[in-house]
Amino acid sequence: MLSLAVDPEVVPAKPVPNFQNIPFKNGVESLVSWDAVDGAASYVVQINNLTTRTVERKVTVSVPQLAVTLANAGTYAIWVQAVGATGKAGPWSDTTRFTLVPRPPAISYETNTFRWSDIGASQYDLWVNNQSGQRVVNQQTSAASLTSSLPPGTYTAWVKPDAEVWSTPYRFTIYHSAIAVDPLTTLDESPTITWAGAADGSYDVFVSLNGQSAAIFRQTVTGNSVVLPAMARGVYTVWARQLFADGSFSSWGTGATLDIADRPVLSLTGSTLSWTSYVAATNYELWVSTDATTDRIAVVPTFVSGTSLDLSTLTGLSSGNFRVWVRAVSDGSTGLFETSRWGYAKAFTK
């Protein structure tokens, strides 16, 4: 008689809960893992929302881990079950419970309104302190925004959804209106910078080379002007902000251009050439050449006291195509650059 021996079906053991990364914030992916089970070909993972009494997730995976993103705060339970190669399932693991804490809302403040990410809470508490630590806002709302007009100063804000934890602190500053600095084009090595504002106010003055962030000059002054130390020829940007007794201050604004003996800006409309006016310039020198060379042509006038000239009135030129440059000239007194750089050429026809 022939007998057949059949191996008994192997049933995987009960998994041992060893969840290393239980999800802890809503909307944030976490990797949930557990101890591998000998003989398991796959695992069934079930997550229940105990708050709503619903099955949140039931999936089968081939490795002892699962990437989980849960949307709603609440209390959850998770189980895992090992399944053998023949499809025979072992017992469920013991229950592991965890609480999903809402992700703290991200706060912003703009145009007198606080806004934060809506995480589905029925109520939000907003708490705002000023820089002295005094609470200036303590309100509740069901919306994800709250209008609150605050005076200039530095503040810290928190939001708490329902009965959950407070968000991380959001620090922000409200500025007074920017100070308008007067632009200046000059041949003075040590120019006087002026700006709008109270004559007895305190101001933070910042000067940098145009397009750069490093300070060439920075000083706190009283009054709405300051005399700069001797500066190199070039183009600078100047900012001033007002400092107030309560610790608040104005914004820097866009800054103003300071041209110290750099290049006049030339413009040509029809036959009329005009250029930038320089403080301390006694006159402006012209250089005229053909369009083929830079050789100087003797023309009259060579020096002009104003900031424009009708090129059709130039003498010493025949018909043809020409180029013209202009630079500012001082009287050479101490503390003045003798000339600016030449402005970039303009082409004209006579």
Protein backbone atom coordinates (compact mmCIF):
# COMPACT_ATOMS: atom_id res chain seq x y z
CA MET A 1 0.00 0.00 0.00
CA LEU A 2 1.28 3.40 -0.96
CA SER A 3 1.05 6.15 1.64
CA LEU A 4 1.58 9.88 1.10
CA ALA A 5 3.02 12.18 3.79
CA VAL A 6 1.66 15.74 3.74
CA ASP A 7 3.55 18.49 5.54
CA PRO A 8 1.32 20.39 7.93
CA GLU A 9 0.56 23.97 6.84
CA VAL A 10 2.75 26.45 8.64
CA VAL A 11 0.78 29.20 10.40
CA PRO A 12 2.82 32.35 11.11
CA ALA A 13 3.20 33.35 14.71
CA LYS A 14 1.45 36.25 16.37
CA PRO A 15 3.40 39.43 15.58
CA VAL A 16 4.97 41.23 18.50
CA PRO A 17 4.09 44.95 18.46
CA ASN A 18 7.22 47.02 18.15
CA PHE A 19 5.96 50.13 16.43
CA GLN A 20 8.95 52.41 16.11
CA ASN A 21 7.39 55.43 14.43
CA ILE A 22 3.75 55.85 15.36
CA PRO A 23 2.26 58.86 13.46
CA PHE A 24 2.16 61.86 15.74
CA LYS A 25 0.98 64.76 13.54
CA ASN A 26 -1.93 64.94 11.15
CA GLY A 27 -1.06 65.30 7.49
CA VAL A 28 2.55 64.19 8.08
CA GLU A 29 3.80 60.87 6.72
CA SER A 30 5.30 58.50 9.30
CA LEU A 31 6.86 55.07 8.80
CA VAL A 32 5.20 52.47 11.07
CA SER A 33 7.27 49.29 11.58
CA TRP A 34 7.15 46.07 13.61
CA ASP A 35 9.21 42.95 14.26
CA ALA A 36 9.43 40.56 11.30
CA VAL A 37 7.72 37.15 11.77
CA ASP A 38 9.39 33.92 10.61
CA GLY A 39 7.52 32.32 7.73
CA ALA A 40 5.47 35.42 6.95
CA ALA A 41 5.03 36.22 3.25
CA SER A 42 2.97 39.34 3.92
CA TYR A 43 1.31 41.35 6.65
CA VAL A 44 -2.17 42.78 7.07
CA VAL A 45 -2.25 46.11 8.88
CA GLN A 46 -5.47 47.56 10.26
CA ILE A 47 -5.80 51.03 11.79
CA ASN A 48 -9.04 52.09 13.46
CA ASN A 49 -10.06 55.59 14.44
CA LEU A 50 -11.39 55.04 17.96
CA THR A 51 -12.70 58.58 18.15
CA THR A 52 -15.04 58.13 15.18
CA ARG A 53 -15.30 54.32 15.55
CA THR A 54 -14.36 53.69 11.95
CA VAL A 55 -11.76 51.60 10.12
CA GLU A 56 -9.23 54.14 8.89
CA ARG A 57 -6.94 51.81 6.97
CA LYS A 58 -6.65 48.07 6.18
CA VAL A 59 -3.84 47.15 3.81
CA THR A 60 -1.56 44.25 2.95
CA VAL A 61 2.19 44.80 2.70
CA SER A 62 5.11 42.48 1.94
CA VAL A 63 7.58 44.01 4.38
CA PRO A 64 7.28 44.74 8.12
CA GLN A 65 6.62 48.46 7.72
CA LEU A 66 4.01 50.84 6.34
CA ALA A 67 4.14 54.52 5.38
CA VAL A 68 1.10 56.14 6.98
CA THR A 69 -0.44 59.59 6.59
CA LEU A 70 -3.53 60.24 8.70
CA ALA A 71 -5.60 63.36 8.18
CA ASN A 72 -7.65 63.68 11.35
CA ALA A 73 -6.61 64.16 14.94
CA GLY A 74 -7.94 61.62 17.45
CA THR A 75 -7.24 58.32 19.19
CA TYR A 76 -6.28 55.33 17.04
CA ALA A 77 -5.59 51.61 17.41
CA ILE A 78 -3.32 49.57 15.18
CA TRP A 79 -2.96 45.79 14.71
CA VAL A 80 -0.80 43.65 12.44
CA GLN A 81 -1.31 40.09 11.27
CA ALA A 82 1.26 37.86 9.57
CA VAL A 83 0.19 35.77 6.54
CA GLY A 84 2.09 32.67 5.36
CA ALA A 85 3.07 31.70 1.81
CA THR A 86 -0.07 29.57 1.39
CA GLY A 87 -2.31 32.41 2.51
CA LYS A 88 -2.85 31.08 5.99
CA ALA A 89 -3.12 33.99 8.43
CA GLY A 90 -1.79 33.93 11.95
CA PRO A 91 -3.33 35.65 14.96
CA TRP A 92 -3.57 39.41 15.25
CA SER A 93 -1.04 41.23 17.36
CA ASP A 94 -2.01 42.88 20.60
CA THR A 95 -3.60 46.31 20.22
CA THR A 96 -1.39 49.38 20.21
CA ARG A 97 -3.14 52.68 20.80
CA PHE A 98 -1.83 56.13 19.94
CA THR A 99 -3.12 59.68 19.81
CA LEU A 100 -2.72 61.76 16.69
CA VAL A 101 -1.88 65.34 17.64
CA PRO A 102 -2.88 68.08 15.17
CA ARG A 103 -0.03 69.62 13.26
CA PRO A 104 0.50 73.14 14.67
CA PRO A 105 -1.00 75.75 12.34
CA ALA A 106 1.42 77.95 10.39
CA ILE A 107 0.70 81.60 11.25
CA SER A 108 1.17 84.81 9.26
CA TYR A 109 0.22 88.46 9.79
CA GLU A 110 -0.40 90.87 6.95
CA THR A 111 -2.65 93.91 6.39
CA ASN A 112 -4.03 93.80 9.96
CA THR A 113 -5.08 90.15 9.70
CA PHE A 114 -3.73 86.98 11.31
CA ARG A 115 -4.04 83.88 9.17
CA TRP A 116 -3.14 80.26 9.86
CA SER A 117 -3.51 76.87 8.22
CA ASP A 118 -6.97 75.43 8.80
CA ILE A 119 -6.62 71.92 10.25
CA GLY A 120 -10.35 71.38 10.64
CA ALA A 121 -10.69 72.47 14.27
CA SER A 122 -14.05 73.82 15.41
CA GLN A 123 -12.37 76.62 17.36
CA TYR A 124 -9.00 78.37 17.47
CA ASP A 125 -7.46 80.42 20.29
CA LEU A 126 -5.13 83.26 19.26
CA TRP A 127 -2.65 84.64 21.78
CA VAL A 128 -0.32 87.56 20.95
CA ASN A 129 2.31 89.17 23.20
CA ASN A 130 4.16 92.42 22.57
CA GLN A 131 7.93 92.70 22.98
CA SER A 132 7.48 93.49 26.69
CA GLY A 133 5.69 90.17 27.23
CA GLN A 134 2.27 91.75 27.68
CA ARG A 135 -0.69 89.93 26.14
CA VAL A 136 -2.30 92.23 23.56
CA VAL A 137 -4.57 89.72 21.80
CA ASN A 138 -6.51 86.86 23.42
CA GLN A 139 -9.43 85.85 21.21
CA GLN A 140 -11.29 82.80 19.98
CA THR A 141 -12.67 82.21 16.50
CA SER A 142 -14.04 79.37 14.42
CA ALA A 143 -12.32 80.73 11.29
CA ALA A 144 -8.70 80.35 10.21
CA SER A 145 -8.12 84.11 10.34
CA LEU A 146 -8.67 87.03 12.69
CA THR A 147 -8.52 90.77 12.03
CA SER A 148 -6.56 92.70 14.63
CA SER A 149 -4.94 96.10 14.07
CA LEU A 150 -1.68 96.38 16.02
CA PRO A 151 0.59 99.42 16.41
CA PRO A 152 4.22 99.24 15.21
CA GLY A 153 6.35 96.95 17.36
CA THR A 154 7.66 93.39 17.67
CA TYR A 155 5.24 90.61 18.61
CA THR A 156 4.97 86.86 19.23
CA ALA A 157 1.81 84.95 18.32
CA TRP A 158 0.49 81.45 19.02
CA VAL A 159 -2.60 79.58 17.82
CA LYS A 160 -4.23 76.62 19.57
CA PRO A 161 -6.85 74.50 17.78
CA ASP A 162 -9.66 73.25 20.06
CA ALA A 163 -8.15 71.68 23.19
CA GLU A 164 -4.86 70.77 21.52
CA VAL A 165 -1.37 72.12 22.10
CA TRP A 166 -0.25 75.64 21.17
CA SER A 167 1.55 76.18 17.89
CA THR A 168 5.22 77.10 17.74
CA PRO A 169 5.78 80.84 18.31
CA TYR A 170 5.48 83.14 15.31
CA ARG A 171 7.55 86.30 15.72
CA PHE A 172 6.93 89.33 13.53
CA THR A 173 7.53 93.08 13.40
CA ILE A 174 5.18 95.86 12.34
CA TYR A 175 7.07 98.88 11.07
CA HIS A 176 6.33 102.57 10.94
CA SER A 177 6.15 103.96 7.39
CA ALA A 178 9.48 104.16 5.57
CA ILE A 179 11.53 107.37 5.60
CA ALA A 180 12.04 109.02 2.19
CA VAL A 181 15.75 109.76 1.70
CA ASP A 182 16.59 112.52 -0.78
CA PRO A 183 18.61 111.24 -3.77
CA LEU A 184 21.81 113.18 -4.45
CA THR A 185 24.21 113.61 -7.35
CA THR A 186 27.28 115.56 -6.29
CA LEU A 187 30.98 116.25 -6.70
CA ASP A 188 31.38 116.65 -2.94
CA GLU A 189 33.62 113.98 -1.40
CA SER A 190 31.82 114.37 1.94
CA PRO A 191 28.21 115.08 1.04
CA THR A 192 25.30 115.92 3.33
CA ILE A 193 22.47 113.38 3.16
CA THR A 194 18.96 114.56 4.04
CA TRP A 195 15.61 112.84 4.52
CA ALA A 196 12.02 113.51 5.51
CA GLY A 197 11.15 113.24 9.17
CA ALA A 198 11.18 115.03 12.49
CA ALA A 199 14.17 117.33 12.94
CA ASP A 200 14.61 116.10 16.54
CA GLY A 201 14.11 112.41 15.72
CA SER A 202 16.63 109.61 16.06
CA TYR A 203 17.62 107.82 12.85
CA ASP A 204 19.66 104.80 11.80
CA VAL A 205 21.55 105.66 8.59
CA PHE A 206 22.95 102.91 6.35
CA VAL A 207 25.07 103.43 3.22
CA SER A 208 26.33 100.70 0.88
CA LEU A 209 27.78 100.50 -2.59
CA ASN A 210 25.00 100.20 -5.13
CA GLY A 211 23.89 96.56 -5.46
CA GLN A 212 25.83 95.39 -2.39
CA SER A 213 24.69 94.68 1.17
CA ALA A 214 27.81 95.50 3.21
CA ALA A 215 27.72 98.82 5.04
CA ILE A 216 30.20 101.47 3.91
CA PHE A 217 28.78 103.79 6.56
CA ARG A 218 26.29 103.18 9.36
CA GLN A 219 25.51 105.53 12.21
CA THR A 220 22.70 106.54 14.54
CA VAL A 221 22.11 110.30 14.37
CA THR A 222 19.73 112.90 15.75
CA GLY A 223 18.08 115.16 13.19
CA ASN A 224 17.14 114.61 9.56
CA SER A 225 20.58 114.96 7.96
CA VAL A 226 24.09 113.59 8.29
CA VAL A 227 27.46 114.54 6.79
CA LEU A 228 29.24 111.51 5.41
CA PRO A 229 33.00 111.05 5.80
CA ALA A 230 35.15 111.37 2.66
CA MET A 231 33.85 108.80 0.18
CA ALA A 232 35.36 107.21 -2.90
CA ARG A 233 33.97 108.08 -6.31
CA GLY A 234 31.02 105.80 -7.12
CA VAL A 235 27.31 105.09 -6.85
CA TYR A 236 25.83 104.24 -3.44
CA THR A 237 22.45 103.46 -1.92
CA VAL A 238 21.37 105.29 1.24
CA TRP A 239 18.68 104.21 3.70
CA ALA A 240 17.44 105.86 6.89
CA ARG A 241 14.95 104.51 9.39
CA GLN A 242 13.50 106.36 12.35
CA LEU A 243 13.99 104.92 15.86
CA PHE A 244 11.21 105.51 18.38
CA ALA A 245 11.38 105.69 22.17
CA ASP A 246 9.17 102.60 22.60
CA GLY A 247 11.66 100.45 20.70
CA SER A 248 9.74 100.40 17.41
CA PHE A 249 11.17 101.72 14.16
CA SER A 250 10.28 102.49 10.58
CA SER A 251 11.04 100.15 7.71
CA TRP A 252 14.12 100.76 5.60
CA GLY A 253 12.20 101.47 2.42
CA THR A 254 13.76 101.18 -1.03
CA GLY A 255 16.71 103.49 -0.41
CA ALA A 256 17.92 106.48 -2.42
CA THR A 257 20.72 106.73 -4.96
CA LEU A 258 23.85 108.69 -4.04
CA ASP A 259 26.08 109.45 -7.04
CA ILE A 260 29.46 110.84 -5.99
CA ALA A 261 31.33 112.05 -9.08
CA ASP A 262 30.27 109.04 -11.11
CA ARG A 263 28.69 109.35 -14.58
CA PRO A 264 26.06 111.85 -15.73
CA VAL A 265 23.07 110.18 -17.34
CA LEU A 266 22.65 111.57 -20.86
CA SER A 267 19.41 111.71 -22.85
CA LEU A 268 18.81 112.98 -26.36
CA THR A 269 15.44 114.26 -27.57
CA GLY A 270 15.59 115.51 -31.14
CA SER A 271 18.71 117.67 -31.20
CA THR A 272 18.53 118.58 -27.51
CA LEU A 273 21.03 116.81 -25.29
CA SER A 274 20.41 116.89 -21.52
CA TRP A 275 22.25 115.35 -18.58
CA THR A 276 22.27 114.88 -14.83
CA SER A 277 22.82 117.94 -12.66
CA TYR A 278 25.65 117.66 -10.10
CA VAL A 279 25.79 119.59 -6.84
CA ALA A 280 29.04 121.67 -6.70
CA ALA A 281 29.49 121.54 -10.51
CA THR A 282 30.42 124.94 -11.98
CA ASN A 283 29.96 123.73 -15.54
CA TYR A 284 29.85 120.67 -17.78
CA GLU A 285 32.47 119.67 -20.34
CA LEU A 286 31.64 118.18 -23.75
CA TRP A 287 33.75 115.77 -25.78
CA VAL A 288 32.70 115.28 -29.39
CA SER A 289 34.12 112.83 -31.93
CA THR A 290 33.05 111.17 -35.14
CA ASP A 291 31.24 107.86 -34.84
CA ALA A 292 34.36 106.07 -36.14
CA THR A 293 36.94 107.28 -33.57
CA THR A 294 37.25 108.83 -30.13
CA ASP A 295 39.54 111.61 -31.37
CA ARG A 296 38.36 114.91 -29.95
CA ILE A 297 36.96 117.54 -32.28
CA ALA A 298 37.28 121.16 -31.19
CA VAL A 299 33.74 122.47 -30.91
CA VAL A 300 32.13 125.57 -29.48
CA PRO A 301 30.92 125.54 -26.83
CA THR A 302 33.15 123.01 -25.03
CA PHE A 303 31.88 124.00 -21.59
CA VAL A 304 28.22 124.58 -20.73
CA SER A 305 26.91 126.04 -17.47
CA GLY A 306 23.45 124.42 -17.67
CA THR A 307 22.33 120.80 -18.02
CA SER A 308 21.18 120.83 -21.64
CA LEU A 309 22.37 121.94 -25.08
CA ASP A 310 20.89 122.09 -28.56
CA LEU A 311 23.51 120.15 -30.53
CA SER A 312 22.48 121.90 -33.74
CA THR A 313 24.09 125.06 -32.32
CA LEU A 314 27.53 123.44 -32.02
CA THR A 315 30.14 125.01 -34.31
CA GLY A 316 33.27 123.31 -35.60
CA LEU A 317 31.45 120.33 -37.08
CA SER A 318 30.83 119.46 -40.70
CA SER A 319 27.94 117.22 -41.76
CA GLY A 320 28.16 113.64 -40.57
CA ASN A 321 27.61 111.20 -37.71
CA PHE A 322 29.07 112.02 -34.31
CA ARG A 323 29.20 110.98 -30.65
CA VAL A 324 29.15 113.21 -27.59
CA TRP A 325 30.19 112.67 -23.96
CA VAL A 326 29.57 114.95 -20.96
CA ARG A 327 31.19 115.23 -17.54
CA ALA A 328 30.63 117.54 -14.57
CA VAL A 329 33.43 119.93 -13.56
CA SER A 330 33.94 121.65 -10.18
CA ASP A 331 36.00 124.69 -9.26
CA GLY A 332 38.59 122.42 -7.68
CA SER A 333 38.00 123.55 -4.11
CA THR A 334 39.18 121.33 -1.25
CA GLY A 335 36.78 118.45 -0.61
CA LEU A 336 35.46 118.40 -4.18
CA PHE A 337 36.24 116.02 -7.02
CA GLU A 338 37.57 118.07 -9.95
CA THR A 339 35.40 116.17 -12.41
CA SER A 340 32.95 113.33 -12.62
CA ARG A 341 33.49 110.38 -14.91
CA TRP A 342 32.39 110.85 -18.50
CA GLY A 343 28.78 109.89 -19.13
CA TYR A 344 28.12 107.18 -21.69
CA ALA A 345 28.14 108.53 -25.25
CA LYS A 346 25.11 109.57 -27.26
CA ALA A 347 25.17 109.39 -31.06
CA PHE A 348 23.83 112.26 -33.15
CA THR A 349 23.83 113.47 -36.76
CA LYS A 350 24.54 116.97 -37.98
